[in-house]
Amino acid sequence: MARIGVEGTLTDVKAALMEMGHEVVDLRTEEDVNGCDCCIISGQDKDVMGMADTSTDASVINAHGFEAQDIVQMVNEKLS
């Protein structure tokens, strides 16, 4: 399965992705995204300083306002 980076606050999303057989990595630093096929962010601190630098070519999904199962579905669509 895929390697998915997930922000630490999204524990329900982590659990749902692991149930699906994905390898889940905590996103704590910029280096944590290396090797990830997809990254899930909470969106809570998005663009705080008016800057939007990206450090990965992997798909990034903003989980703000979505349920865990919605996120799992988005990940599966991105990876297919």
N, C-alpha and C. Protein backbone atom coordinates (compact mmCIF):
# COMPACT_ATOMS: atom_id res chain seq x y z
N MET A 1 0.85 -1.19 0.00
CA MET A 1 0.00 0.00 0.00
C MET A 1 0.89 1.24 0.00
N ALA A 2 0.26 2.38 0.11
CA ALA A 2 0.95 3.66 -0.01
C ALA A 2 1.50 4.14 1.33
N ARG A 3 2.48 5.04 1.23
CA ARG A 3 3.03 5.71 2.41
C ARG A 3 2.36 7.08 2.50
N ILE A 4 1.63 7.31 3.59
CA ILE A 4 0.83 8.52 3.76
C ILE A 4 1.34 9.31 4.96
N GLY A 5 1.64 10.58 4.75
CA GLY A 5 2.03 11.46 5.84
C GLY A 5 0.79 12.15 6.40
N VAL A 6 0.65 12.14 7.72
CA VAL A 6 -0.54 12.71 8.36
C VAL A 6 -0.12 13.59 9.53
N GLU A 7 -0.70 14.80 9.62
CA GLU A 7 -0.43 15.67 10.77
C GLU A 7 -0.88 15.00 12.06
N GLY A 8 -0.16 15.27 13.13
CA GLY A 8 -0.37 14.60 14.41
C GLY A 8 -1.75 14.72 15.00
N THR A 9 -2.46 15.80 14.75
CA THR A 9 -3.78 16.00 15.36
C THR A 9 -4.87 15.15 14.72
N LEU A 10 -4.59 14.54 13.59
CA LEU A 10 -5.61 13.80 12.84
C LEU A 10 -5.58 12.31 13.18
N THR A 11 -5.76 11.98 14.45
CA THR A 11 -5.65 10.59 14.90
C THR A 11 -6.71 9.68 14.28
N ASP A 12 -7.91 10.19 14.08
CA ASP A 12 -8.96 9.36 13.48
C ASP A 12 -8.63 9.04 12.02
N VAL A 13 -8.02 9.99 11.33
CA VAL A 13 -7.62 9.76 9.94
C VAL A 13 -6.49 8.74 9.89
N LYS A 14 -5.52 8.86 10.81
CA LYS A 14 -4.42 7.89 10.88
C LYS A 14 -4.96 6.48 11.06
N ALA A 15 -5.88 6.32 12.01
CA ALA A 15 -6.43 4.99 12.31
C ALA A 15 -7.16 4.42 11.09
N ALA A 16 -7.94 5.25 10.41
CA ALA A 16 -8.69 4.78 9.25
C ALA A 16 -7.76 4.37 8.11
N LEU A 17 -6.69 5.13 7.90
CA LEU A 17 -5.73 4.79 6.85
C LEU A 17 -4.96 3.52 7.17
N MET A 18 -4.60 3.33 8.44
CA MET A 18 -3.90 2.11 8.84
C MET A 18 -4.80 0.89 8.68
N GLU A 19 -6.09 1.06 8.96
CA GLU A 19 -7.05 -0.04 8.77
C GLU A 19 -7.10 -0.48 7.32
N MET A 20 -6.90 0.48 6.41
CA MET A 20 -6.91 0.19 4.97
C MET A 20 -5.59 -0.43 4.50
N GLY A 21 -4.60 -0.50 5.42
CA GLY A 21 -3.33 -1.13 5.07
C GLY A 21 -2.24 -0.17 4.63
N HIS A 22 -2.50 1.14 4.72
CA HIS A 22 -1.49 2.12 4.33
C HIS A 22 -0.44 2.27 5.44
N GLU A 23 0.78 2.62 5.03
CA GLU A 23 1.82 2.98 5.99
C GLU A 23 1.62 4.44 6.34
N VAL A 24 1.46 4.75 7.61
CA VAL A 24 1.19 6.12 8.05
C VAL A 24 2.40 6.69 8.77
N VAL A 25 2.79 7.90 8.37
CA VAL A 25 3.95 8.58 8.94
C VAL A 25 3.48 9.90 9.56
N ASP A 26 3.92 10.21 10.78
CA ASP A 26 3.59 11.49 11.40
C ASP A 26 4.36 12.61 10.70
N LEU A 27 3.65 13.69 10.37
CA LEU A 27 4.29 14.86 9.77
C LEU A 27 4.63 15.85 10.87
N ARG A 28 5.88 15.87 11.25
CA ARG A 28 6.34 16.79 12.30
C ARG A 28 7.31 17.83 11.74
N THR A 29 8.15 17.37 10.80
CA THR A 29 9.13 18.27 10.20
C THR A 29 9.02 18.20 8.69
N GLU A 30 9.68 19.11 8.03
CA GLU A 30 9.66 19.16 6.57
C GLU A 30 10.21 17.87 5.96
N GLU A 31 11.18 17.26 6.62
CA GLU A 31 11.80 16.03 6.11
C GLU A 31 10.86 14.82 6.17
N ASP A 32 9.85 14.88 7.01
CA ASP A 32 8.93 13.75 7.16
C ASP A 32 8.14 13.45 5.88
N VAL A 33 8.03 14.41 4.99
CA VAL A 33 7.25 14.18 3.76
C VAL A 33 8.03 13.37 2.73
N ASN A 34 9.34 13.23 2.92
CA ASN A 34 10.16 12.47 1.97
C ASN A 34 9.65 11.04 1.84
N GLY A 35 9.41 10.62 0.63
CA GLY A 35 8.96 9.27 0.37
C GLY A 35 7.47 9.05 0.52
N CYS A 36 6.73 10.09 0.87
CA CYS A 36 5.27 9.96 1.01
C CYS A 36 4.60 10.06 -0.35
N ASP A 37 3.58 9.23 -0.55
CA ASP A 37 2.79 9.27 -1.77
C ASP A 37 1.70 10.32 -1.68
N CYS A 38 1.30 10.65 -0.45
CA CYS A 38 0.23 11.61 -0.21
C CYS A 38 0.39 12.15 1.20
N CYS A 39 0.01 13.41 1.42
CA CYS A 39 0.10 14.02 2.74
C CYS A 39 -1.26 14.62 3.12
N ILE A 40 -1.63 14.43 4.39
CA ILE A 40 -2.89 14.96 4.91
C ILE A 40 -2.56 16.02 5.95
N ILE A 41 -3.08 17.23 5.74
CA ILE A 41 -2.86 18.32 6.69
C ILE A 41 -4.19 18.70 7.33
N SER A 42 -4.11 19.27 8.52
CA SER A 42 -5.34 19.66 9.22
C SER A 42 -5.93 20.95 8.66
N GLY A 43 -5.09 21.79 8.10
CA GLY A 43 -5.55 23.07 7.55
C GLY A 43 -5.68 24.15 8.59
N GLN A 44 -5.41 23.84 9.85
CA GLN A 44 -5.58 24.81 10.93
C GLN A 44 -4.54 25.92 10.88
N ASP A 45 -3.31 25.61 10.47
CA ASP A 45 -2.27 26.64 10.43
C ASP A 45 -1.84 26.95 9.00
N LYS A 46 -2.73 26.71 8.07
CA LYS A 46 -2.45 26.91 6.65
C LYS A 46 -2.17 28.38 6.36
N ASP A 47 -1.03 28.63 5.74
CA ASP A 47 -0.71 29.96 5.22
C ASP A 47 -0.78 31.04 6.30
N VAL A 48 -0.27 30.75 7.50
CA VAL A 48 -0.36 31.66 8.63
C VAL A 48 0.30 33.01 8.34
N MET A 49 1.46 32.98 7.69
CA MET A 49 2.20 34.21 7.46
C MET A 49 2.04 34.73 6.03
N GLY A 50 1.03 34.24 5.32
CA GLY A 50 0.84 34.68 3.94
C GLY A 50 1.80 34.01 2.98
N MET A 51 2.44 32.93 3.44
CA MET A 51 3.39 32.20 2.61
C MET A 51 2.84 30.79 2.40
N ALA A 52 3.07 30.25 1.23
CA ALA A 52 2.56 28.91 0.94
C ALA A 52 3.63 28.09 0.23
N ASP A 53 4.75 27.88 0.90
CA ASP A 53 5.83 27.08 0.33
C ASP A 53 5.48 25.61 0.44
N THR A 54 5.79 24.85 -0.60
CA THR A 54 5.59 23.41 -0.53
C THR A 54 6.94 22.72 -0.57
N SER A 55 7.02 21.59 0.10
CA SER A 55 8.29 20.87 0.13
C SER A 55 8.13 19.44 -0.38
N THR A 56 7.07 19.18 -1.15
CA THR A 56 6.84 17.85 -1.69
C THR A 56 6.10 17.93 -3.02
N ASP A 57 6.31 16.90 -3.83
CA ASP A 57 5.57 16.76 -5.07
C ASP A 57 4.37 15.83 -4.88
N ALA A 58 4.26 15.25 -3.68
CA ALA A 58 3.14 14.35 -3.38
C ALA A 58 1.84 15.13 -3.29
N SER A 59 0.73 14.45 -3.50
CA SER A 59 -0.58 15.07 -3.34
C SER A 59 -0.77 15.51 -1.89
N VAL A 60 -1.37 16.67 -1.70
CA VAL A 60 -1.65 17.18 -0.36
C VAL A 60 -3.15 17.37 -0.22
N ILE A 61 -3.72 16.80 0.83
CA ILE A 61 -5.15 16.89 1.07
C ILE A 61 -5.38 17.67 2.36
N ASN A 62 -6.19 18.71 2.29
CA ASN A 62 -6.56 19.51 3.47
C ASN A 62 -7.78 18.84 4.10
N ALA A 63 -7.63 18.35 5.32
CA ALA A 63 -8.69 17.59 5.99
C ALA A 63 -9.73 18.47 6.67
N HIS A 64 -9.52 19.77 6.67
CA HIS A 64 -10.44 20.68 7.38
C HIS A 64 -11.87 20.52 6.87
N GLY A 65 -12.78 20.19 7.78
CA GLY A 65 -14.19 20.07 7.45
C GLY A 65 -14.63 18.71 6.94
N PHE A 66 -13.72 17.74 6.89
CA PHE A 66 -14.06 16.42 6.39
C PHE A 66 -13.97 15.36 7.48
N GLU A 67 -14.77 14.31 7.35
CA GLU A 67 -14.71 13.16 8.24
C GLU A 67 -13.57 12.24 7.79
N ALA A 68 -13.12 11.36 8.68
CA ALA A 68 -12.02 10.45 8.38
C ALA A 68 -12.29 9.61 7.14
N GLN A 69 -13.51 9.09 7.02
CA GLN A 69 -13.83 8.25 5.86
C GLN A 69 -13.81 9.04 4.55
N ASP A 70 -14.15 10.34 4.61
CA ASP A 70 -14.05 11.19 3.43
C ASP A 70 -12.60 11.32 2.99
N ILE A 71 -11.70 11.47 3.97
CA ILE A 71 -10.28 11.62 3.68
C ILE A 71 -9.73 10.34 3.07
N VAL A 72 -10.11 9.18 3.64
CA VAL A 72 -9.67 7.89 3.10
C VAL A 72 -10.10 7.76 1.64
N GLN A 73 -11.33 8.15 1.34
CA GLN A 73 -11.82 8.09 -0.03
C GLN A 73 -11.01 9.00 -0.95
N MET A 74 -10.68 10.21 -0.48
CA MET A 74 -9.87 11.15 -1.28
C MET A 74 -8.48 10.57 -1.53
N VAL A 75 -7.89 9.96 -0.51
CA VAL A 75 -6.56 9.35 -0.67
C VAL A 75 -6.62 8.26 -1.72
N ASN A 76 -7.60 7.38 -1.62
CA ASN A 76 -7.73 6.28 -2.59
C ASN A 76 -7.92 6.80 -4.01
N GLU A 77 -8.68 7.90 -4.16
CA GLU A 77 -8.88 8.49 -5.48
C GLU A 77 -7.58 9.08 -6.03
N LYS A 78 -6.81 9.75 -5.16
CA LYS A 78 -5.55 10.35 -5.58
C LYS A 78 -4.54 9.29 -6.00
N LEU A 79 -4.56 8.15 -5.33
CA LEU A 79 -3.57 7.10 -5.58
C LEU A 79 -3.97 6.17 -6.71
N SER A 80 -5.18 6.22 -7.15
CA SER A 80 -5.61 5.29 -8.21
C SER A 80 -5.33 5.83 -9.60
